C-alpha atoms as a PDB file:
ATOM      1  CA  MET A   1     -11.463-139.156-197.051  1.00  0.00           C
ATOM      2  CA  SER A   2     -12.688-138.245-200.540  1.00  0.00           C
ATOM      3  CA  VAL A   3     -14.315-134.914-201.313  1.00  0.00           C
ATOM      4  CA  PHE A   4     -17.188-134.098-203.648  1.00  0.00           C
ATOM      5  CA  SER A   5     -17.404-130.924-205.711  1.00  0.00           C
ATOM      6  CA  TYR A   6     -20.308-129.318-207.545  1.00  0.00           C
ATOM      7  CA  HIS A   7     -19.468-126.797-210.275  1.00  0.00           C
ATOM      8  CA  LEU A   8     -21.641-124.339-212.178  1.00  0.00           C
ATOM      9  CA  VAL A   9     -20.216-122.263-215.042  1.00  0.00           C
ATOM     10  CA  ARG A  10     -21.607-120.472-218.096  1.00  0.00           C
ATOM     11  CA  LEU A  11     -19.548-121.073-221.245  1.00  0.00           C
ATOM     12  CA  SER A  12     -19.804-120.062-224.877  1.00  0.00           C
ATOM     13  CA  PHE A  13     -22.073-122.294-226.941  1.00  0.00           C
ATOM     14  CA  ILE A  14     -19.086-123.930-228.668  1.00  0.00           C
ATOM     15  CA  SER A  15     -17.162-124.533-225.410  1.00  0.00           C
ATOM     16  CA  ALA A  16     -20.264-125.932-223.730  1.00  0.00           C
ATOM     17  CA  LEU A  17     -20.965-128.239-226.667  1.00  0.00           C
ATOM     18  CA  ARG A  18     -17.339-129.425-226.679  1.00  0.00           C
ATOM     19  CA  ILE A  19     -17.329-130.314-222.983  1.00  0.00           C
ATOM     20  CA  MET A  20     -20.618-132.181-223.385  1.00  0.00           C
ATOM     21  CA  ILE A  21     -19.311-134.190-226.346  1.00  0.00           C
ATOM     22  CA  PHE A  22     -16.005-134.846-224.554  1.00  0.00           C
ATOM     23  CA  PRO A  23     -16.998-134.882-220.860  1.00  0.00           C
ATOM     24  CA  ILE A  24     -14.583-134.922-217.949  1.00  0.00           C
ATOM     25  CA  ASP A  25     -13.119-138.423-217.745  1.00  0.00           C
ATOM     26  CA  SER A  26     -11.648-139.993-214.606  1.00  0.00           C
ATOM     27  CA  LYS A  27      -9.237-142.022-216.773  1.00  0.00           C
ATOM     28  CA  GLN A  28      -7.536-138.801-217.899  1.00  0.00           C
ATOM     29  CA  ILE A  29      -7.445-136.819-214.640  1.00  0.00           C
ATOM     30  CA  ASN A  30      -5.353-137.718-211.603  1.00  0.00           C
ATOM     31  CA  GLY A  31      -7.320-138.296-208.426  1.00  0.00           C
ATOM     32  CA  LEU A  32     -10.747-138.055-210.049  1.00  0.00           C
ATOM     33  CA  ILE A  33     -12.928-140.961-208.916  1.00  0.00           C
ATOM     34  CA  HIS A  34     -15.968-140.124-211.059  1.00  0.00           C
ATOM     35  CA  ALA A  35     -17.691-137.111-212.610  1.00  0.00           C
ATOM     36  CA  GLU A  36     -21.003-136.368-214.283  1.00  0.00           C
ATOM     37  CA  THR A  37     -20.999-133.511-216.817  1.00  0.00           C
ATOM     38  CA  MET A  38     -24.432-132.014-217.512  1.00  0.00           C
ATOM     39  CA  THR A  39     -26.186-128.844-218.624  1.00  0.00           C
ATOM     40  CA  ALA A  40     -28.225-126.755-216.183  1.00  0.00           C
ATOM     41  CA  MET A  41     -31.973-126.287-216.368  1.00  0.00           C
ATOM     42  CA  ILE A  42     -34.724-124.741-214.250  1.00  0.00           C
ATOM     43  CA  LEU A  43     -36.316-127.097-211.749  1.00  0.00           C
ATOM     44  CA  GLY A  44     -39.767-128.123-212.928  1.00  0.00           C
ATOM     45  CA  SER A  45     -39.253-126.756-216.446  1.00  0.00           C
ATOM     46  CA  SER A  46     -41.448-127.980-219.266  1.00  0.00           C
ATOM     47  CA  VAL A  47     -40.645-131.348-220.780  1.00  0.00           C
ATOM     48  CA  PHE A  48     -40.372-129.604-224.152  1.00  0.00           C
ATOM     49  CA  SER A  49     -38.161-126.693-223.021  1.00  0.00           C
ATOM     50  CA  ILE A  50     -34.822-126.205-224.802  1.00  0.00           C
ATOM     51  CA  SER A  51     -32.899-126.454-221.504  1.00  0.00           C
ATOM     52  CA  ARG A  52     -34.117-130.030-221.075  1.00  0.00           C
ATOM     53  CA  ILE A  53     -31.951-130.833-224.080  1.00  0.00           C
ATOM     54  CA  PHE A  54     -29.042-128.372-223.967  1.00  0.00           C
ATOM     55  CA  SER A  55     -27.849-125.244-222.171  1.00  0.00           C
ATOM     56  CA  SER A  56     -24.514-123.404-222.240  1.00  0.00           C
ATOM     57  CA  GLU A  57     -24.548-123.362-218.429  1.00  0.00           C
ATOM     58  CA  ILE A  58     -22.506-126.429-217.489  1.00  0.00           C
ATOM     59  CA  VAL A  59     -22.791-128.491-214.313  1.00  0.00           C
ATOM     60  CA  VAL A  60     -20.100-130.892-213.107  1.00  0.00           C
ATOM     61  CA  PHE A  61     -20.609-133.112-210.071  1.00  0.00           C
ATOM     62  CA  ALA A  62     -17.402-134.939-209.169  1.00  0.00           C
ATOM     63  CA  GLN A  63     -15.758-137.063-206.502  1.00  0.00           C
ATOM     64  CA  TRP A  64     -12.028-136.682-205.794  1.00  0.00           C
ATOM     65  CA  GLU A  65      -9.571-138.709-203.755  1.00  0.00           C
ATOM     66  CA  ASN A  66      -8.710-135.471-201.923  1.00  0.00           C
ATOM     67  CA  GLU A  67      -8.790-131.685-202.357  1.00  0.00           C
ATOM     68  CA  ASP A  68      -5.230-131.525-203.696  1.00  0.00           C
ATOM     69  CA  TYR A  69      -6.311-133.355-206.848  1.00  0.00           C
ATOM     70  CA  LEU A  70      -9.315-131.032-207.224  1.00  0.00           C
ATOM     71  CA  ASN A  71      -7.064-127.967-206.908  1.00  0.00           C
ATOM     72  CA  GLU A  72      -4.624-129.418-209.434  1.00  0.00           C
ATOM     73  CA  PHE A  73      -7.438-130.003-211.919  1.00  0.00           C
ATOM     74  CA  LEU A  74      -8.812-126.459-211.578  1.00  0.00           C
ATOM     75  CA  GLN A  75      -5.380-124.874-211.909  1.00  0.00           C
ATOM     76  CA  SER A  76      -3.637-126.945-214.575  1.00  0.00           C
ATOM     77  CA  LYS A  77      -6.120-128.743-216.855  1.00  0.00           C
ATOM     78  CA  LYS A  78      -7.784-126.981-219.797  1.00  0.00           C
ATOM     79  CA  ASN A  79     -11.296-128.047-218.780  1.00  0.00           C
ATOM     80  CA  GLY A  80     -10.457-127.318-215.159  1.00  0.00           C
ATOM     81  CA  LYS A  81      -9.405-123.745-215.910  1.00  0.00           C
ATOM     82  CA  GLN A  82     -12.651-123.189-217.815  1.00  0.00           C
ATOM     83  CA  ILE A  83     -14.741-124.582-214.983  1.00  0.00           C
ATOM     84  CA  ALA A  84     -12.770-122.612-212.383  1.00  0.00           C
ATOM     85  CA  LYS A  85     -14.169-119.377-213.846  1.00  0.00           C
ATOM     86  CA  GLY A  86     -17.580-120.304-212.467  1.00  0.00           C
ATOM     87  CA  TRP A  87     -18.904-121.109-208.987  1.00  0.00           C
ATOM     88  CA  HIS A  88     -18.314-124.290-207.044  1.00  0.00           C
ATOM     89  CA  ILE A  89     -18.837-125.813-203.630  1.00  0.00           C
ATOM     90  CA  ARG A  90     -16.881-128.588-201.900  1.00  0.00           C
ATOM     91  CA  LEU A  91     -18.844-131.216-200.033  1.00  0.00           C
ATOM     92  CA  ASP A  92     -18.274-133.869-197.405  1.00  0.00           C
ATOM     93  CA  TYR A  93     -20.436-136.981-197.576  1.00  0.00           C
ATOM     94  CA  LEU A  94     -23.206-137.326-194.987  1.00  0.00           C
ATOM     95  CA  ARG A  95     -25.514-140.084-196.174  1.00  0.00           C
ATOM     96  CA  GLN A  96     -27.011-141.775-199.199  1.00  0.00           C
ATOM     97  CA  TRP A  97     -30.424-142.957-200.295  1.00  0.00           C
ATOM     98  CA  GLY A  98     -30.538-145.415-203.166  1.00  0.00           C
ATOM     99  CA  LYS A  99     -27.588-146.569-205.275  1.00  0.00           C
ATOM    100  CA  ILE A 100     -25.666-145.242-208.268  1.00  0.00           C
ATOM    101  CA  SER A 101     -22.627-146.625-210.063  1.00  0.00           C
ATOM    102  CA  GLY A 102     -19.392-144.744-210.652  1.00  0.00           C
ATOM    103  CA  PHE A 103     -19.101-142.866-207.371  1.00  0.00           C
ATOM    104  CA  GLN A 104     -17.427-144.542-204.389  1.00  0.00           C
ATOM    105  CA  ILE A 105     -19.945-143.943-201.617  1.00  0.00           C
ATOM    106  CA  PRO A 106     -18.521-144.411-198.090  1.00  0.00           C
ATOM    107  CA  ASN A 107     -20.128-147.144-196.023  1.00  0.00           C
ATOM    108  CA  LEU A 108     -21.056-144.811-193.192  1.00  0.00           C
ATOM    109  CA  GLU A 109     -23.452-142.069-192.174  1.00  0.00           C
ATOM    110  CA  ILE A 110     -22.518-138.860-190.411  1.00  0.00           C
ATOM    111  CA  LYS A 111     -25.018-137.206-188.093  1.00  0.00           C
ATOM    112  CA  ILE A 112     -25.193-133.428-187.818  1.00  0.00           C
ATOM    113  CA  GLU A 113     -27.415-131.013-185.924  1.00  0.00           C
ATOM    114  CA  ASN A 114     -30.828-130.337-187.430  1.00  0.00           C
ATOM    115  CA  GLU A 115     -30.123-126.597-187.594  1.00  0.00           C
ATOM    116  CA  LYS A 116     -27.016-127.017-189.764  1.00  0.00           C
ATOM    117  CA  SER A 117     -27.159-126.173-193.485  1.00  0.00           C
ATOM    118  CA  VAL A 118     -26.978-129.124-195.877  1.00  0.00           C
ATOM    119  CA  VAL A 119     -26.707-129.772-199.598  1.00  0.00           C
ATOM    120  CA  ALA A 120     -28.758-132.409-201.415  1.00  0.00           C
ATOM    121  CA  VAL A 121     -27.683-133.864-204.767  1.00  0.00           C
ATOM    122  CA  THR A 122     -29.847-136.366-206.628  1.00  0.00           C
ATOM    123  CA  ILE A 123     -28.929-138.239-209.801  1.00  0.00           C
ATOM    124  CA  ALA A 124     -31.189-140.503-211.836  1.00  0.00           C
ATOM    125  CA  ARG A 125     -29.837-142.637-214.668  1.00  0.00           C
ATOM    126  CA  MET A 126     -32.999-143.950-216.232  1.00  0.00           C
ATOM    127  CA  LYS A 127     -33.810-146.834-218.483  1.00  0.00           C
ATOM    128  CA  TYR A 128     -35.425-145.337-221.573  1.00  0.00           C
ATOM    129  CA  SER A 129     -38.695-147.089-220.805  1.00  0.00           C
ATOM    130  CA  GLN A 130     -38.803-145.368-217.402  1.00  0.00           C
ATOM    131  CA  ILE A 131     -38.372-141.766-218.640  1.00  0.00           C
ATOM    132  CA  PRO A 132     -42.125-140.977-219.004  1.00  0.00           C
ATOM    133  CA  ARG A 133     -42.810-142.386-215.530  1.00  0.00           C
ATOM    134  CA  PHE A 134     -39.935-140.423-214.021  1.00  0.00           C
ATOM    135  CA  LEU A 135     -41.109-137.157-215.592  1.00  0.00           C
ATOM    136  CA  ARG A 136     -44.661-137.722-214.391  1.00  0.00           C
ATOM    137  CA  TRP A 137     -43.605-138.160-210.761  1.00  0.00           C
ATOM    138  CA  GLY A 138     -40.352-136.184-210.783  1.00  0.00           C
ATOM    139  CA  ARG A 139     -41.448-132.820-212.180  1.00  0.00           C
ATOM    140  CA  PRO A 140     -43.913-132.108-209.313  1.00  0.00           C
ATOM    141  CA  VAL A 141     -41.085-132.816-206.840  1.00  0.00           C
ATOM    142  CA  GLU A 142     -38.758-130.508-208.786  1.00  0.00           C
ATOM    143  CA  LYS A 143     -41.342-127.737-208.408  1.00  0.00           C
ATOM    144  CA  GLN A 144     -41.711-128.513-204.708  1.00  0.00           C
ATOM    145  CA  VAL A 145     -37.971-128.089-204.135  1.00  0.00           C
ATOM    146  CA  ARG A 146     -37.834-124.998-206.362  1.00  0.00           C
ATOM    147  CA  ASP A 147     -40.647-123.259-204.481  1.00  0.00           C
ATOM    148  CA  SER A 148     -39.556-124.230-200.978  1.00  0.00           C
ATOM    149  CA  ARG A 149     -38.617-121.376-198.635  1.00  0.00           C
ATOM    150  CA  GLY A 150     -36.115-123.728-197.028  1.00  0.00           C
ATOM    151  CA  THR A 151     -33.676-123.542-199.943  1.00  0.00           C
ATOM    152  CA  THR A 152     -31.164-120.809-200.719  1.00  0.00           C
ATOM    153  CA  LEU A 153     -30.286-122.271-204.141  1.00  0.00           C
ATOM    154  CA  SER A 154     -31.913-125.010-206.187  1.00  0.00           C
ATOM    155  CA  LEU A 155     -31.454-126.112-209.769  1.00  0.00           C
ATOM    156  CA  ALA A 156     -31.561-129.137-212.011  1.00  0.00           C
ATOM    157  CA  SER A 157     -29.280-130.473-214.712  1.00  0.00           C
ATOM    158  CA  ILE A 158     -29.539-132.989-217.506  1.00  0.00           C
ATOM    159  CA  ARG A 159     -27.398-135.041-219.807  1.00  0.00           C
ATOM    160  CA  TYR A 160     -29.527-136.019-222.751  1.00  0.00           C
ATOM    161  CA  PRO A 161     -31.207-138.385-223.042  1.00  0.00           C
ATOM    162  CA  ASN A 162     -31.462-140.208-219.709  1.00  0.00           C
ATOM    163  CA  ILE A 163     -29.566-138.518-216.834  1.00  0.00           C
ATOM    164  CA  ILE A 164     -31.354-135.966-214.645  1.00  0.00           C
ATOM    165  CA  SER A 165     -29.893-134.440-211.489  1.00  0.00           C
ATOM    166  CA  THR A 166     -30.984-131.899-208.885  1.00  0.00           C
ATOM    167  CA  PHE A 167     -28.952-129.732-206.527  1.00  0.00           C
ATOM    168  CA  SER A 168     -30.273-127.785-203.561  1.00  0.00           C
ATOM    169  CA  ILE A 169     -28.789-125.923-200.616  1.00  0.00           C
ATOM    170  CA  TRP A 170     -31.041-126.038-197.548  1.00  0.00           C
ATOM    171  CA  LYS A 171     -30.985-123.478-194.743  1.00  0.00           C
ATOM    172  CA  THR A 172     -31.292-126.312-192.229  1.00  0.00           C
ATOM    173  CA  GLN A 173     -31.318-130.092-192.327  1.00  0.00           C
ATOM    174  CA  LYS A 174     -34.732-129.999-190.608  1.00  0.00           C
ATOM    175  CA  GLU A 175     -36.289-128.025-193.462  1.00  0.00           C
ATOM    176  CA  MET A 176     -34.965-130.527-195.979  1.00  0.00           C
ATOM    177  CA  ASN A 177     -36.242-133.474-193.934  1.00  0.00           C
ATOM    178  CA  ASP A 178     -39.647-131.824-193.509  1.00  0.00           C
ATOM    179  CA  MET A 179     -39.931-131.509-197.285  1.00  0.00           C
ATOM    180  CA  VAL A 180     -38.825-135.116-197.859  1.00  0.00           C
ATOM    181  CA  HIS A 181     -41.344-136.501-195.348  1.00  0.00           C
ATOM    182  CA  GLY A 182     -44.265-134.292-196.368  1.00  0.00           C
ATOM    183  CA  HIS A 183     -44.272-132.004-193.317  1.00  0.00           C
ATOM    184  CA  SER A 184     -43.365-128.702-194.999  1.00  0.00           C
ATOM    185  CA  ARG A 185     -45.770-125.766-194.882  1.00  0.00           C
ATOM    186  CA  MET A 186     -46.479-125.361-198.566  1.00  0.00           C
ATOM    187  CA  PRO A 187     -49.181-126.433-201.024  1.00  0.00           C
ATOM    188  CA  GLU A 188     -49.259-130.168-201.750  1.00  0.00           C
ATOM    189  CA  PRO A 189     -46.538-130.995-199.221  1.00  0.00           C
ATOM    190  CA  LYS A 190     -46.586-134.752-199.901  1.00  0.00           C
ATOM    191  CA  ARG A 191     -45.370-134.625-203.516  1.00  0.00           C
ATOM    192  CA  HIS A 192     -41.914-135.947-202.608  1.00  0.00           C
ATOM    193  CA  ILE A 193     -43.041-138.698-200.253  1.00  0.00           C
ATOM    194  CA  ASN A 194     -45.725-139.824-202.719  1.00  0.00           C
ATOM    195  CA  ALA A 195     -43.089-140.087-205.452  1.00  0.00           C
ATOM    196  CA  MET A 196     -40.916-142.213-203.140  1.00  0.00           C
ATOM    197  CA  LYS A 197     -43.866-144.514-202.398  1.00  0.00           C
ATOM    198  CA  GLU A 198     -44.572-144.862-206.111  1.00  0.00           C
ATOM    199  CA  ARG A 199     -40.919-145.705-206.758  1.00  0.00           C
ATOM    200  CA  LYS A 200     -41.065-148.532-204.227  1.00  0.00           C
END
């Protein structure tokens, strides 16, 4: 079964700019199914903040045929060695909501106990005409995830001009589900579910 990896590394400005101009490409790396290379930003940050455009903290979300190919990339490729200096987590697929091209999403869902920790990754590739609408409904949800006591780590990333992603580690699956369905104990708990209704 394939494995997903999420990488976070701070590079020099020049190195970060280079990897954004020449992102990780599955055609050049053995065993890489697909990767998105982005720059990190604070969840809920202002539309006009510099990090919405560029940051030297690089995020890579990738899918690999297996862990051996991931290890080979981190140990032997120039970009891989750079990225290996940062932090990363390896992920098994549980389930999907929505569709996105590039990644090979398994046609199955795995059930786990509600008290188990989970990771949530979202990616939006927007049509340019949809960017204002996405920001209007998406930024309140970013703040909701950022401020939730159920997360141990949460951040966003962007690839200018139209790819926005979020990453969050949840203490339990239940706390993530409560947030998604508007049952969390925090101000304006229905921000996420209202955004999903608007999307439909």
